[in-house]
Amino acid sequence: MRSKSARHDSIEPDRESRSSGLTELAAELMRRAREASLPAVDQGTEVLMDLESDGVRCVLVRTSAAHVVPLLSPREQEIARMIARGLPNKTIAAVLEISTWTVGTYLRRMFAKLHVSSRAALVAQFLHEPKDPR
């Protein structure tokens, strides 16, 4: 009967060879990416590498800027702007033609998304939230 260490020893060289093979592959891919001059896909996106091996296509792209996704929906942003102006829930509800309960629900969800617990903190966090460049 083989011991656990004997089984473990027979597995390790295989893992090491796969690991070194992956390291060599990554180095080769990076070398090809530096040498390749592929066209841009669209404004702000550049294809660094486009390879196919064993039926698997690998595309490496570089984008100029990360796409910013706002945490708050457009409606939540509208309510946050009204809160920043100092409007109470009742006034916000009247302006948007929704119930005060709905305004309260929006506030709770906005508090959760921005990890805050007060209207003042919500406004401060909203003003520092990245805006969508589109």
Protein backbone atom coordinates (compact mmCIF):
# COMPACT_ATOMS: atom_id res chain seq x y z
CA MET A 1 0.00 0.00 0.00
CA ARG A 2 1.36 3.43 -0.97
CA SER A 3 1.65 6.13 1.59
CA LYS A 4 -0.02 9.53 1.21
CA SER A 5 3.37 11.19 0.78
CA ALA A 6 4.26 8.85 -2.07
CA ARG A 7 1.05 9.77 -3.91
CA HIS A 8 1.65 13.45 -3.18
CA ASP A 9 5.22 13.26 -4.53
CA SER A 10 4.03 11.71 -7.80
CA ILE A 11 1.50 14.51 -8.32
CA GLU A 12 3.79 17.44 -7.55
CA PRO A 13 6.16 17.14 -10.56
CA ASP A 14 3.14 17.15 -12.89
CA ARG A 15 1.80 20.34 -11.26
CA GLU A 16 5.21 21.96 -11.46
CA SER A 17 5.60 21.12 -15.15
CA ARG A 18 2.12 22.49 -15.90
CA SER A 19 2.89 25.63 -13.93
CA SER A 20 6.17 26.22 -15.76
CA GLY A 21 4.41 25.51 -19.07
CA LEU A 22 1.77 28.13 -18.27
CA THR A 23 4.46 30.61 -17.26
CA GLU A 24 6.26 30.04 -20.56
CA LEU A 25 2.98 30.40 -22.47
CA ALA A 26 2.19 33.68 -20.70
CA ALA A 27 5.67 35.01 -21.48
CA GLU A 28 5.28 34.04 -25.13
CA LEU A 29 1.86 35.69 -25.35
CA MET A 30 3.19 38.91 -23.84
CA ARG A 31 6.15 38.88 -26.27
CA ARG A 32 3.80 38.48 -29.23
CA ALA A 33 1.52 41.22 -27.89
CA ARG A 34 4.44 43.66 -27.76
CA GLU A 35 5.53 42.77 -31.30
CA ALA A 36 2.08 42.76 -32.92
CA SER A 37 0.62 45.85 -34.50
CA LEU A 38 -3.09 45.11 -34.68
CA PRO A 39 -5.67 47.77 -35.52
CA ALA A 40 -7.87 49.50 -32.96
CA VAL A 41 -11.33 47.96 -32.47
CA ASP A 42 -12.98 51.28 -31.69
CA GLN A 43 -12.00 54.59 -30.18
CA GLY A 44 -10.15 53.91 -26.94
CA THR A 45 -9.78 50.14 -27.48
CA GLU A 46 -6.63 48.60 -28.93
CA VAL A 47 -6.17 44.90 -29.76
CA LEU A 48 -2.84 43.76 -28.37
CA MET A 49 -3.12 40.14 -29.40
CA ASP A 50 -5.50 37.88 -31.30
CA LEU A 51 -4.49 34.20 -31.26
CA GLU A 52 -6.25 30.91 -31.81
CA SER A 53 -4.91 27.63 -30.46
CA ASP A 54 -6.61 24.25 -30.26
CA GLY A 55 -9.96 25.82 -31.17
CA VAL A 56 -9.72 28.49 -28.45
CA ARG A 57 -9.48 32.12 -29.48
CA CYS A 58 -7.70 34.52 -27.12
CA VAL A 59 -8.02 38.26 -27.62
CA LEU A 60 -6.12 40.67 -25.41
CA VAL A 61 -7.30 44.28 -25.57
CA ARG A 62 -6.26 47.53 -23.92
CA THR A 63 -8.87 50.17 -23.19
CA SER A 64 -8.00 53.80 -22.62
CA ALA A 65 -10.32 54.30 -19.65
CA ALA A 66 -12.45 52.07 -17.50
CA HIS A 67 -16.17 52.32 -18.19
CA VAL A 68 -17.72 54.01 -15.18
CA VAL A 69 -21.04 52.58 -14.06
CA PRO A 70 -22.89 54.88 -11.67
CA LEU A 71 -24.15 53.24 -8.49
CA LEU A 72 -27.45 55.09 -8.54
CA SER A 73 -30.13 54.81 -11.21
CA PRO A 74 -31.23 57.98 -13.03
CA ARG A 75 -34.33 58.20 -10.81
CA GLU A 76 -32.23 57.76 -7.66
CA GLN A 77 -29.85 60.46 -8.91
CA GLU A 78 -32.82 62.78 -9.42
CA ILE A 79 -33.99 62.15 -5.85
CA ALA A 80 -30.44 62.62 -4.52
CA ARG A 81 -30.24 66.02 -6.24
CA MET A 82 -33.55 67.00 -4.60
CA ILE A 83 -32.27 65.87 -1.21
CA ALA A 84 -29.11 67.92 -1.80
CA ARG A 85 -31.35 70.96 -2.34
CA GLY A 86 -32.89 70.28 1.08
CA LEU A 87 -36.34 69.11 -0.03
CA PRO A 88 -38.29 66.89 2.39
CA ASN A 89 -39.75 63.52 1.32
CA LYS A 90 -43.27 64.97 1.05
CA THR A 91 -42.15 67.66 -1.43
CA ILE A 92 -40.08 65.17 -3.45
CA ALA A 93 -43.11 62.88 -3.63
CA ALA A 94 -45.35 65.73 -4.83
CA VAL A 95 -42.87 66.89 -7.50
CA LEU A 96 -42.30 63.35 -8.83
CA GLU A 97 -45.97 62.36 -8.42
CA ILE A 98 -45.15 59.31 -6.30
CA SER A 99 -46.07 58.46 -2.73
CA THR A 100 -43.96 59.42 0.27
CA TRP A 101 -43.62 55.68 0.93
CA THR A 102 -41.97 55.27 -2.48
CA VAL A 103 -39.57 58.13 -1.72
CA GLY A 104 -38.71 56.37 1.56
CA THR A 105 -38.08 53.13 -0.33
CA TYR A 106 -35.77 54.92 -2.76
CA LEU A 107 -33.90 56.45 0.19
CA ARG A 108 -33.42 53.09 1.91
CA ARG A 109 -32.07 51.54 -1.28
CA MET A 110 -29.78 54.51 -1.92
CA PHE A 111 -28.49 54.33 1.67
CA ALA A 112 -27.71 50.63 1.13
CA LYS A 113 -25.98 51.19 -2.23
CA LEU A 114 -23.82 54.02 -0.93
CA HIS A 115 -23.27 52.47 2.53
CA VAL A 116 -24.56 55.52 4.42
CA SER A 117 -27.15 56.07 7.14
CA SER A 118 -28.19 59.73 6.82
CA ARG A 119 -29.39 62.19 4.21
CA ALA A 120 -26.28 64.34 4.71
CA ALA A 121 -23.97 61.37 4.21
CA LEU A 122 -25.98 60.36 1.12
CA VAL A 123 -25.49 63.81 -0.42
CA ALA A 124 -21.77 63.82 0.41
CA GLN A 125 -21.32 60.35 -1.08
CA PHE A 126 -23.45 61.21 -4.14
CA LEU A 127 -21.31 64.26 -4.88
CA HIS A 128 -18.16 62.08 -4.84
CA GLU A 129 -19.68 59.27 -6.95
CA PRO A 130 -18.02 58.91 -10.39
CA LYS A 131 -20.26 60.23 -13.15
CA ASP A 132 -20.92 58.27 -16.35
CA PRO A 133 -18.92 60.02 -19.13
CA ARG A 134 -21.54 59.17 -21.81
